[in-house]
């Protein structure tokens, strides 16, 4: 699993590439720390190259959403593949996040 962080148009953007499974979630959580410190920035999670996500990865996304909302920031998911979109829809994440195909 690879992550890439960048600032774009005053937003914090993190791209995910690979499988966000339980072993990878520990490192991804560390990589995402800058997002948890999002004061004054909206967050975009670019899932275009995310192949798979387990419940531990989904927990990271949900924890980030809670922190972002508490700071007045918005959290957007882009580029979900059909399988991940279906899982997010089944558990209600589609109703919690701003979900788009692209920006």
PDB file of N, CA and C in Angstrom:
ATOM      1  N   UNK A   1       0.852  -1.175   0.000  1.00  0.00           N
ATOM      2  CA  UNK A   1       0.000   0.000   0.000  1.00  0.00           C
ATOM      3  C   UNK A   1       0.890   1.228   0.000  1.00  0.00           C
ATOM      4  N   UNK A   2       0.633   2.122  -0.922  1.00  0.00           N
ATOM      5  CA  UNK A   2       1.354   3.392  -0.995  1.00  0.00           C
ATOM      6  C   UNK A   2       0.369   4.527  -0.771  1.00  0.00           C
ATOM      7  N   UNK A   3       0.829   5.560  -0.104  1.00  0.00           N
ATOM      8  CA  UNK A   3       0.028   6.771   0.052  1.00  0.00           C
ATOM      9  C   UNK A   3       0.869   7.943  -0.428  1.00  0.00           C
ATOM     10  N   UNK A   4       0.172   8.974  -0.861  1.00  0.00           N
ATOM     11  CA  UNK A   4       0.850  10.203  -1.268  1.00  0.00           C
ATOM     12  C   UNK A   4       0.032  11.379  -0.763  1.00  0.00           C
ATOM     13  N   UNK A   5       0.704  12.280  -0.047  1.00  0.00           N
ATOM     14  CA  UNK A   5       0.055  13.466   0.483  1.00  0.00           C
ATOM     15  C   UNK A   5       0.485  14.679  -0.325  1.00  0.00           C
ATOM     16  N   UNK A   6      -0.482  15.572  -0.573  1.00  0.00           N
ATOM     17  CA  UNK A   6      -0.165  16.841  -1.221  1.00  0.00           C
ATOM     18  C   UNK A   6      -1.207  17.874  -0.829  1.00  0.00           C
ATOM     19  N   UNK A   7      -0.836  19.138  -0.939  1.00  0.00           N
ATOM     20  CA  UNK A   7      -1.783  20.235  -0.781  1.00  0.00           C
ATOM     21  C   UNK A   7      -2.179  20.697  -2.173  1.00  0.00           C
ATOM     22  N   UNK A   8      -3.477  20.881  -2.368  1.00  0.00           N
ATOM     23  CA  UNK A   8      -3.985  21.276  -3.678  1.00  0.00           C
ATOM     24  C   UNK A   8      -5.160  22.221  -3.474  1.00  0.00           C
ATOM     25  N   UNK A   9      -5.031  23.440  -3.962  1.00  0.00           N
ATOM     26  CA  UNK A   9      -6.105  24.436  -3.839  1.00  0.00           C
ATOM     27  C   UNK A   9      -6.590  24.573  -2.396  1.00  0.00           C
ATOM     28  N   UNK A  10      -5.672  24.654  -1.458  1.00  0.00           N
ATOM     29  CA  UNK A  10      -5.968  24.811  -0.031  1.00  0.00           C
ATOM     30  C   UNK A  10      -6.620  23.575   0.597  1.00  0.00           C
ATOM     31  N   UNK A  11      -6.652  22.455  -0.123  1.00  0.00           N
ATOM     32  CA  UNK A  11      -7.158  21.196   0.404  1.00  0.00           C
ATOM     33  C   UNK A  11      -5.984  20.273   0.710  1.00  0.00           C
ATOM     34  N   UNK A  12      -6.192  19.379   1.657  1.00  0.00           N
ATOM     35  CA  UNK A  12      -5.245  18.297   1.896  1.00  0.00           C
ATOM     36  C   UNK A  12      -5.734  17.091   1.106  1.00  0.00           C
ATOM     37  N   UNK A  13      -4.877  16.540   0.270  1.00  0.00           N
ATOM     38  CA  UNK A  13      -5.242  15.408  -0.578  1.00  0.00           C
ATOM     39  C   UNK A  13      -4.326  14.240  -0.249  1.00  0.00           C
ATOM     40  N   UNK A  14      -4.927  13.076  -0.027  1.00  0.00           N
ATOM     41  CA  UNK A  14      -4.145  11.863   0.129  1.00  0.00           C
ATOM     42  C   UNK A  14      -4.641  10.848  -0.882  1.00  0.00           C
ATOM     43  N   UNK A  15      -3.689  10.319  -1.644  1.00  0.00           N
ATOM     44  CA  UNK A  15      -3.980   9.285  -2.636  1.00  0.00           C
ATOM     45  C   UNK A  15      -3.560   7.928  -2.073  1.00  0.00           C
ATOM     46  N   UNK A  16      -4.348   6.931  -2.391  1.00  0.00           N
ATOM     47  CA  UNK A  16      -4.088   5.566  -1.929  1.00  0.00           C
ATOM     48  C   UNK A  16      -3.863   4.672  -3.141  1.00  0.00           C
ATOM     49  N   UNK A  17      -2.863   3.819  -3.066  1.00  0.00           N
ATOM     50  CA  UNK A  17      -2.532   2.932  -4.177  1.00  0.00           C
ATOM     51  C   UNK A  17      -2.265   1.547  -3.611  1.00  0.00           C
ATOM     52  N   UNK A  18      -3.152   0.611  -3.924  1.00  0.00           N
ATOM     53  CA  UNK A  18      -2.976  -0.763  -3.460  1.00  0.00           C
ATOM     54  C   UNK A  18      -4.118  -1.230  -2.582  1.00  0.00           C
ATOM     55  N   UNK A  19      -3.782  -2.117  -1.667  1.00  0.00           N
ATOM     56  CA  UNK A  19      -4.759  -2.760  -0.787  1.00  0.00           C
ATOM     57  C   UNK A  19      -4.625  -2.213   0.629  1.00  0.00           C
ATOM     58  N   UNK A  20      -5.698  -1.618   1.120  1.00  0.00           N
ATOM     59  CA  UNK A  20      -5.709  -1.096   2.495  1.00  0.00           C
ATOM     60  C   UNK A  20      -6.304  -2.176   3.397  1.00  0.00           C
ATOM     61  N   UNK A  21      -5.448  -3.142   3.729  1.00  0.00           N
ATOM     62  CA  UNK A  21      -5.874  -4.243   4.588  1.00  0.00           C
ATOM     63  C   UNK A  21      -5.350  -4.004   6.004  1.00  0.00           C
ATOM     64  N   UNK A  22      -5.593  -4.941   6.885  1.00  0.00           N
ATOM     65  CA  UNK A  22      -5.232  -4.759   8.284  1.00  0.00           C
ATOM     66  C   UNK A  22      -3.741  -4.510   8.490  1.00  0.00           C
ATOM     67  N   UNK A  23      -2.845  -5.305   7.897  1.00  0.00           N
ATOM     68  CA  UNK A  23      -1.419  -5.012   8.105  1.00  0.00           C
ATOM     69  C   UNK A  23      -1.019  -3.625   7.572  1.00  0.00           C
ATOM     70  N   UNK A  24      -1.559  -3.212   6.443  1.00  0.00           N
ATOM     71  CA  UNK A  24      -1.210  -1.910   5.861  1.00  0.00           C
ATOM     72  C   UNK A  24      -1.802  -0.752   6.652  1.00  0.00           C
ATOM     73  N   UNK A  25      -2.884  -0.986   7.369  1.00  0.00           N
ATOM     74  CA  UNK A  25      -3.583   0.110   8.046  1.00  0.00           C
ATOM     75  C   UNK A  25      -2.719   0.786   9.116  1.00  0.00           C
ATOM     76  N   UNK A  26      -1.799   0.063   9.714  1.00  0.00           N
ATOM     77  CA  UNK A  26      -0.927   0.677  10.732  1.00  0.00           C
ATOM     78  C   UNK A  26      -0.062   1.778  10.128  1.00  0.00           C
ATOM     79  N   UNK A  27       0.561   1.480   8.990  1.00  0.00           N
ATOM     80  CA  UNK A  27       1.395   2.477   8.329  1.00  0.00           C
ATOM     81  C   UNK A  27       0.541   3.593   7.744  1.00  0.00           C
ATOM     82  N   UNK A  28      -0.583   3.249   7.166  1.00  0.00           N
ATOM     83  CA  UNK A  28      -1.465   4.262   6.575  1.00  0.00           C
ATOM     84  C   UNK A  28      -1.963   5.220   7.649  1.00  0.00           C
ATOM     85  N   UNK A  29      -2.246   4.712   8.832  1.00  0.00           N
ATOM     86  CA  UNK A  29      -2.668   5.581   9.931  1.00  0.00           C
ATOM     87  C   UNK A  29      -1.588   6.609  10.248  1.00  0.00           C
ATOM     88  N   UNK A  30      -0.336   6.177  10.254  1.00  0.00           N
ATOM     89  CA  UNK A  30       0.767   7.110  10.483  1.00  0.00           C
ATOM     90  C   UNK A  30       0.860   8.124   9.333  1.00  0.00           C
ATOM     91  N   UNK A  31       0.698   7.636   8.107  1.00  0.00           N
ATOM     92  CA  UNK A  31       0.750   8.518   6.945  1.00  0.00           C
ATOM     93  C   UNK A  31      -0.370   9.557   6.980  1.00  0.00           C
ATOM     94  N   UNK A  32      -1.522   9.165   7.531  1.00  0.00           N
ATOM     95  CA  UNK A  32      -2.696  10.043   7.554  1.00  0.00           C
ATOM     96  C   UNK A  32      -2.666  11.056   8.692  1.00  0.00           C
ATOM     97  N   UNK A  33      -1.673  10.994   9.558  1.00  0.00           N
ATOM     98  CA  UNK A  33      -1.647  11.891  10.717  1.00  0.00           C
ATOM     99  C   UNK A  33      -1.769  13.354  10.309  1.00  0.00           C
ATOM    100  N   UNK A  34      -1.133  13.741   9.220  1.00  0.00           N
ATOM    101  CA  UNK A  34      -1.225  15.125   8.747  1.00  0.00           C
ATOM    102  C   UNK A  34      -2.679  15.510   8.447  1.00  0.00           C
ATOM    103  N   UNK A  35      -3.490  14.545   8.019  1.00  0.00           N
ATOM    104  CA  UNK A  35      -4.907  14.813   7.752  1.00  0.00           C
ATOM    105  C   UNK A  35      -5.681  15.013   9.047  1.00  0.00           C
ATOM    106  N   UNK A  36      -5.315  14.269  10.081  1.00  0.00           N
ATOM    107  CA  UNK A  36      -5.979  14.421  11.376  1.00  0.00           C
ATOM    108  C   UNK A  36      -5.695  15.792  11.984  1.00  0.00           C
ATOM    109  N   UNK A  37      -4.622  16.428  11.530  1.00  0.00           N
ATOM    110  CA  UNK A  37      -4.263  17.774  11.982  1.00  0.00           C
ATOM    111  C   UNK A  37      -4.730  18.814  10.958  1.00  0.00           C
ATOM    112  N   UNK A  38      -5.892  18.614  10.381  1.00  0.00           N
ATOM    113  CA  UNK A  38      -6.371  19.338   9.195  1.00  0.00           C
ATOM    114  C   UNK A  38      -6.860  20.755   9.438  1.00  0.00           C
ATOM    115  N   UNK A  39      -6.632  21.308  10.548  1.00  0.00           N
ATOM    116  CA  UNK A  39      -7.168  22.624  10.915  1.00  0.00           C
ATOM    117  C   UNK A  39      -7.207  23.598   9.728  1.00  0.00           C
ATOM    118  N   UNK A  40      -8.408  23.979   9.321  1.00  0.00           N
ATOM    119  CA  UNK A  40      -8.567  24.966   8.265  1.00  0.00           C
ATOM    120  C   UNK A  40      -8.476  24.435   6.843  1.00  0.00           C
ATOM    121  N   UNK A  41      -8.380  23.126   6.681  1.00  0.00           N
ATOM    122  CA  UNK A  41      -8.270  22.533   5.351  1.00  0.00           C
ATOM    123  C   UNK A  41      -9.347  21.467   5.169  1.00  0.00           C
ATOM    124  N   UNK A  42      -9.962  21.439   3.986  1.00  0.00           N
ATOM    125  CA  UNK A  42     -10.823  20.319   3.642  1.00  0.00           C
ATOM    126  C   UNK A  42      -9.936  19.172   3.180  1.00  0.00           C
ATOM    127  N   UNK A  43     -10.464  17.951   3.246  1.00  0.00           N
ATOM    128  CA  UNK A  43      -9.695  16.752   2.960  1.00  0.00           C
ATOM    129  C   UNK A  43     -10.305  16.023   1.775  1.00  0.00           C
ATOM    130  N   UNK A  44      -9.440  15.578   0.892  1.00  0.00           N
ATOM    131  CA  UNK A  44      -9.855  14.755  -0.245  1.00  0.00           C
ATOM    132  C   UNK A  44      -9.087  13.440  -0.159  1.00  0.00           C
ATOM    133  N   UNK A  45      -9.821  12.342  -0.108  1.00  0.00           N
ATOM    134  CA  UNK A  45      -9.215  11.014  -0.113  1.00  0.00           C
ATOM    135  C   UNK A  45      -9.385  10.459  -1.522  1.00  0.00           C
ATOM    136  N   UNK A  46      -8.286  10.399  -2.267  1.00  0.00           N
ATOM    137  CA  UNK A  46      -8.313   9.944  -3.652  1.00  0.00           C
ATOM    138  C   UNK A  46      -8.130   8.433  -3.679  1.00  0.00           C
ATOM    139  N   UNK A  47      -9.224   7.742  -3.959  1.00  0.00           N
ATOM    140  CA  UNK A  47      -9.241   6.281  -3.928  1.00  0.00           C
ATOM    141  C   UNK A  47      -9.181   5.673  -5.329  1.00  0.00           C
ATOM    142  N   UNK A  48      -8.770   6.466  -6.305  1.00  0.00           N
ATOM    143  CA  UNK A  48      -8.736   6.010  -7.697  1.00  0.00           C
ATOM    144  C   UNK A  48      -7.941   4.719  -7.850  1.00  0.00           C
ATOM    145  N   UNK A  49      -6.834   4.586  -7.143  1.00  0.00           N
ATOM    146  CA  UNK A  49      -5.983   3.393  -7.243  1.00  0.00           C
ATOM    147  C   UNK A  49      -6.084   2.476  -6.036  1.00  0.00           C
ATOM    148  N   UNK A  50      -7.110   2.698  -5.215  1.00  0.00           N
ATOM    149  CA  UNK A  50      -7.348   1.815  -4.066  1.00  0.00           C
ATOM    150  C   UNK A  50      -8.049   0.566  -4.576  1.00  0.00           C
ATOM    151  N   UNK A  51      -7.406  -0.580  -4.397  1.00  0.00           N
ATOM    152  CA  UNK A  51      -7.932  -1.835  -4.935  1.00  0.00           C
ATOM    153  C   UNK A  51      -8.881  -2.540  -3.978  1.00  0.00           C
ATOM    154  N   UNK A  52      -8.659  -2.349  -2.670  1.00  0.00           N
ATOM    155  CA  UNK A  52      -9.371  -3.142  -1.667  1.00  0.00           C
ATOM    156  C   UNK A  52      -9.262  -2.420  -0.344  1.00  0.00           C
ATOM    157  N   UNK A  53     -10.285  -2.542   0.485  1.00  0.00           N
ATOM    158  CA  UNK A  53     -10.238  -1.948   1.820  1.00  0.00           C
ATOM    159  C   UNK A  53     -10.943  -2.872   2.804  1.00  0.00           C
ATOM    160  N   UNK A  54     -10.312  -3.096   3.952  1.00  0.00           N
ATOM    161  CA  UNK A  54     -10.909  -3.912   5.009  1.00  0.00           C
ATOM    162  C   UNK A  54     -11.582  -2.996   6.032  1.00  0.00           C
ATOM    163  N   UNK A  55     -12.173  -3.605   7.027  1.00  0.00           N
ATOM    164  CA  UNK A  55     -12.844  -2.823   8.067  1.00  0.00           C
ATOM    165  C   UNK A  55     -11.863  -1.922   8.819  1.00  0.00           C
ATOM    166  N   UNK A  56     -10.604  -2.343   8.954  1.00  0.00           N
ATOM    167  CA  UNK A  56      -9.637  -1.490   9.647  1.00  0.00           C
ATOM    168  C   UNK A  56      -9.331  -0.236   8.827  1.00  0.00           C
ATOM    169  N   UNK A  57      -9.294  -0.354   7.527  1.00  0.00           N
ATOM    170  CA  UNK A  57      -9.125   0.814   6.674  1.00  0.00           C
ATOM    171  C   UNK A  57     -10.342   1.713   6.706  1.00  0.00           C
ATOM    172  N   UNK A  58     -11.510   1.101   6.705  1.00  0.00           N
ATOM    173  CA  UNK A  58     -12.752   1.877   6.775  1.00  0.00           C
ATOM    174  C   UNK A  58     -12.831   2.634   8.101  1.00  0.00           C
ATOM    175  N   UNK A  59     -12.341   2.015   9.173  1.00  0.00           N
ATOM    176  CA  UNK A  59     -12.320   2.686  10.478  1.00  0.00           C
ATOM    177  C   UNK A  59     -11.452   3.932  10.421  1.00  0.00           C
ATOM    178  N   UNK A  60     -10.319   3.851   9.738  1.00  0.00           N
ATOM    179  CA  UNK A  60      -9.450   5.024   9.589  1.00  0.00           C
ATOM    180  C   UNK A  60     -10.189   6.162   8.886  1.00  0.00           C
ATOM    181  N   UNK A  61     -10.900   5.833   7.824  1.00  0.00           N
ATOM    182  CA  UNK A  61     -11.654   6.848   7.089  1.00  0.00           C
ATOM    183  C   UNK A  61     -12.717   7.467   7.993  1.00  0.00           C
ATOM    184  N   UNK A  62     -13.417   6.629   8.753  1.00  0.00           N
ATOM    185  CA  UNK A  62     -14.475   7.127   9.631  1.00  0.00           C
ATOM    186  C   UNK A  62     -13.895   7.986  10.761  1.00  0.00           C
ATOM    187  N   UNK A  63     -12.801   7.547  11.350  1.00  0.00           N
ATOM    188  CA  UNK A  63     -12.153   8.350  12.399  1.00  0.00           C
ATOM    189  C   UNK A  63     -11.728   9.707  11.848  1.00  0.00           C
ATOM    190  N   UNK A  64     -11.180   9.712  10.648  1.00  0.00           N
ATOM    191  CA  UNK A  64     -10.764  10.964  10.018  1.00  0.00           C
ATOM    192  C   UNK A  64     -11.966  11.868   9.772  1.00  0.00           C
ATOM    193  N   UNK A  65     -13.059  11.299   9.307  1.00  0.00           N
ATOM    194  CA  UNK A  65     -14.274  12.092   9.064  1.00  0.00           C
ATOM    195  C   UNK A  65     -14.741  12.770  10.346  1.00  0.00           C
ATOM    196  N   UNK A  66     -14.750  12.024  11.445  1.00  0.00           N
ATOM    197  CA  UNK A  66     -15.191  12.590  12.727  1.00  0.00           C
ATOM    198  C   UNK A  66     -14.307  13.755  13.155  1.00  0.00           C
ATOM    199  N   UNK A  67     -12.989  13.589  13.032  1.00  0.00           N
ATOM    200  CA  UNK A  67     -12.055  14.650  13.407  1.00  0.00           C
ATOM    201  C   UNK A  67     -12.229  15.856  12.490  1.00  0.00           C
ATOM    202  N   UNK A  68     -12.327  15.608  11.204  1.00  0.00           N
ATOM    203  CA  UNK A  68     -12.469  16.706  10.245  1.00  0.00           C
ATOM    204  C   UNK A  68     -13.738  17.510  10.527  1.00  0.00           C
ATOM    205  N   UNK A  69     -14.847  16.814  10.733  1.00  0.00           N
ATOM    206  CA  UNK A  69     -16.112  17.513  11.011  1.00  0.00           C
ATOM    207  C   UNK A  69     -16.022  18.331  12.293  1.00  0.00           C
ATOM    208  N   UNK A  70     -15.363  17.793  13.304  1.00  0.00           N
ATOM    209  CA  UNK A  70     -15.250  18.519  14.567  1.00  0.00           C
ATOM    210  C   UNK A  70     -14.438  19.800  14.410  1.00  0.00           C
ATOM    211  N   UNK A  71     -13.610  19.861  13.357  1.00  0.00           N
ATOM    212  CA  UNK A  71     -12.798  21.042  13.093  1.00  0.00           C
ATOM    213  C   UNK A  71     -13.399  21.922  11.995  1.00  0.00           C
ATOM    214  N   UNK A  72     -14.603  21.562  11.548  1.00  0.00           N
ATOM    215  CA  UNK A  72     -15.266  22.345  10.515  1.00  0.00           C
ATOM    216  C   UNK A  72     -14.769  22.066   9.112  1.00  0.00           C
ATOM    217  N   UNK A  73     -14.093  20.960   8.926  1.00  0.00           N
ATOM    218  CA  UNK A  73     -13.578  20.594   7.608  1.00  0.00           C
ATOM    219  C   UNK A  73     -14.481  19.566   6.949  1.00  0.00           C
ATOM    220  N   UNK A  74     -14.423  19.524   5.637  1.00  0.00           N
ATOM    221  CA  UNK A  74     -15.202  18.578   4.843  1.00  0.00           C
ATOM    222  C   UNK A  74     -14.275  17.459   4.386  1.00  0.00           C
ATOM    223  N   UNK A  75     -14.812  16.253   4.265  1.00  0.00           N
ATOM    224  CA  UNK A  75     -14.028  15.097   3.834  1.00  0.00           C
ATOM    225  C   UNK A  75     -14.704  14.488   2.602  1.00  0.00           C
ATOM    226  N   UNK A  76     -13.990  14.479   1.491  1.00  0.00           N
ATOM    227  CA  UNK A  76     -14.524  14.000   0.222  1.00  0.00           C
ATOM    228  C   UNK A  76     -13.763  12.764  -0.228  1.00  0.00           C
ATOM    229  N   UNK A  77     -14.502  11.773  -0.710  1.00  0.00           N
ATOM    230  CA  UNK A  77     -13.912  10.579  -1.306  1.00  0.00           C
ATOM    231  C   UNK A  77     -14.083  10.682  -2.813  1.00  0.00           C
ATOM    232  N   UNK A  78     -13.004  10.455  -3.555  1.00  0.00           N
ATOM    233  CA  UNK A  78     -13.126  10.437  -5.012  1.00  0.00           C
ATOM    234  C   UNK A  78     -12.563   9.138  -5.567  1.00  0.00           C
ATOM    235  N   UNK A  79     -13.095   8.729  -6.717  1.00  0.00           N
ATOM    236  CA  UNK A  79     -12.545   7.614  -7.467  1.00  0.00           C
ATOM    237  C   UNK A  79     -12.767   6.233  -6.898  1.00  0.00           C
ATOM    238  N   UNK A  80     -13.837   6.023  -6.138  1.00  0.00           N
ATOM    239  CA  UNK A  80     -14.098   4.677  -5.604  1.00  0.00           C
ATOM    240  C   UNK A  80     -14.424   3.724  -6.745  1.00  0.00           C
ATOM    241  N   UNK A  81     -13.790   2.549  -6.757  1.00  0.00           N
ATOM    242  CA  UNK A  81     -14.174   1.555  -7.761  1.00  0.00           C
ATOM    243  C   UNK A  81     -15.532   0.959  -7.378  1.00  0.00           C
ATOM    244  N   UNK A  82     -16.126   0.214  -8.273  1.00  0.00           N
ATOM    245  CA  UNK A  82     -17.489  -0.301  -8.073  1.00  0.00           C
ATOM    246  C   UNK A  82     -17.608  -1.173  -6.831  1.00  0.00           C
ATOM    247  N   UNK A  83     -16.609  -2.007  -6.571  1.00  0.00           N
ATOM    248  CA  UNK A  83     -16.678  -2.917  -5.426  1.00  0.00           C
ATOM    249  C   UNK A  83     -16.604  -2.156  -4.107  1.00  0.00           C
ATOM    250  N   UNK A  84     -15.675  -1.201  -4.019  1.00  0.00           N
ATOM    251  CA  UNK A  84     -15.543  -0.433  -2.791  1.00  0.00           C
ATOM    252  C   UNK A  84     -16.764   0.463  -2.601  1.00  0.00           C
ATOM    253  N   UNK A  85     -17.261   1.044  -3.679  1.00  0.00           N
ATOM    254  CA  UNK A  85     -18.464   1.860  -3.586  1.00  0.00           C
ATOM    255  C   UNK A  85     -19.621   1.035  -3.018  1.00  0.00           C
ATOM    256  N   UNK A  86     -19.771  -0.185  -3.500  1.00  0.00           N
ATOM    257  CA  UNK A  86     -20.857  -1.055  -3.029  1.00  0.00           C
ATOM    258  C   UNK A  86     -20.726  -1.345  -1.525  1.00  0.00           C
ATOM    259  N   UNK A  87     -19.513  -1.629  -1.072  1.00  0.00           N
ATOM    260  CA  UNK A  87     -19.289  -1.888   0.355  1.00  0.00           C
ATOM    261  C   UNK A  87     -19.606  -0.630   1.163  1.00  0.00           C
ATOM    262  N   UNK A  88     -19.112   0.525   0.722  1.00  0.00           N
ATOM    263  CA  UNK A  88     -19.382   1.776   1.424  1.00  0.00           C
ATOM    264  C   UNK A  88     -20.875   2.074   1.453  1.00  0.00           C
ATOM    265  N   UNK A  89     -21.573   1.738   0.385  1.00  0.00           N
ATOM    266  CA  UNK A  89     -23.016   1.958   0.328  1.00  0.00           C
ATOM    267  C   UNK A  89     -23.733   1.041   1.318  1.00  0.00           C
ATOM    268  N   UNK A  90     -23.323  -0.212   1.374  1.00  0.00           N
ATOM    269  CA  UNK A  90     -23.967  -1.188   2.273  1.00  0.00           C
ATOM    270  C   UNK A  90     -23.823  -0.805   3.740  1.00  0.00           C
ATOM    271  N   UNK A  91     -22.694  -0.211   4.117  1.00  0.00           N
ATOM    272  CA  UNK A  91     -22.482   0.148   5.524  1.00  0.00           C
ATOM    273  C   UNK A  91     -22.881   1.592   5.832  1.00  0.00           C
ATOM    274  N   UNK A  92     -23.358   2.314   4.830  1.00  0.00           N
ATOM    275  CA  UNK A  92     -23.860   3.667   5.051  1.00  0.00           C
ATOM    276  C   UNK A  92     -22.829   4.772   4.925  1.00  0.00           C
ATOM    277  N   UNK A  93     -21.602   4.443   4.534  1.00  0.00           N
ATOM    278  CA  UNK A  93     -20.575   5.475   4.398  1.00  0.00           C
ATOM    279  C   UNK A  93     -20.908   6.469   3.287  1.00  0.00           C
ATOM    280  N   UNK A  94     -21.628   6.026   2.288  1.00  0.00           N
ATOM    281  CA  UNK A  94     -21.984   6.911   1.167  1.00  0.00           C
ATOM    282  C   UNK A  94     -22.799   8.092   1.681  1.00  0.00           C
ATOM    283  N   UNK A  95     -23.579   7.870   2.730  1.00  0.00           N
ATOM    284  CA  UNK A  95     -24.392   8.945   3.305  1.00  0.00           C
ATOM    285  C   UNK A  95     -23.601   9.847   4.248  1.00  0.00           C
ATOM    286  N   UNK A  96     -22.431   9.412   4.680  1.00  0.00           N
ATOM    287  CA  UNK A  96     -21.623  10.187   5.624  1.00  0.00           C
ATOM    288  C   UNK A  96     -20.612  11.083   4.929  1.00  0.00           C
ATOM    289  N   UNK A  97     -20.009  10.576   3.877  1.00  0.00           N
ATOM    290  CA  UNK A  97     -18.967  11.292   3.151  1.00  0.00           C
ATOM    291  C   UNK A  97     -19.552  11.986   1.930  1.00  0.00           C
ATOM    292  N   UNK A  98     -18.856  13.013   1.465  1.00  0.00           N
ATOM    293  CA  UNK A  98     -19.125  13.591   0.156  1.00  0.00           C
ATOM    294  C   UNK A  98     -18.398  12.681  -0.833  1.00  0.00           C
ATOM    295  N   UNK A  99     -19.131  11.968  -1.688  1.00  0.00           N
ATOM    296  CA  UNK A  99     -18.541  11.003  -2.595  1.00  0.00           C
ATOM    297  C   UNK A  99     -18.702  11.495  -4.029  1.00  0.00           C
ATOM    298  N   UNK A 100     -17.590  11.520  -4.753  1.00  0.00           N
ATOM    299  CA  UNK A 100     -17.580  11.949  -6.158  1.00  0.00           C
ATOM    300  C   UNK A 100     -16.683  11.019  -6.953  1.00  0.00           C
ATOM    301  N   UNK A 101     -16.924  10.977  -8.228  1.00  0.00           N
ATOM    302  CA  UNK A 101     -16.033  10.196  -9.094  1.00  0.00           C
ATOM    303  C   UNK A 101     -14.727  10.956  -9.333  1.00  0.00           C
ATOM    304  N   UNK A 102     -14.822  12.247  -9.588  1.00  0.00           N
ATOM    305  CA  UNK A 102     -13.647  13.089  -9.771  1.00  0.00           C
ATOM    306  C   UNK A 102     -13.939  14.445  -9.159  1.00  0.00           C
ATOM    307  N   UNK A 103     -12.914  15.276  -9.075  1.00  0.00           N
ATOM    308  CA  UNK A 103     -13.118  16.626  -8.561  1.00  0.00           C
ATOM    309  C   UNK A 103     -13.518  17.566  -9.634  1.00  0.00           C
TER     310      UNK A 103
END
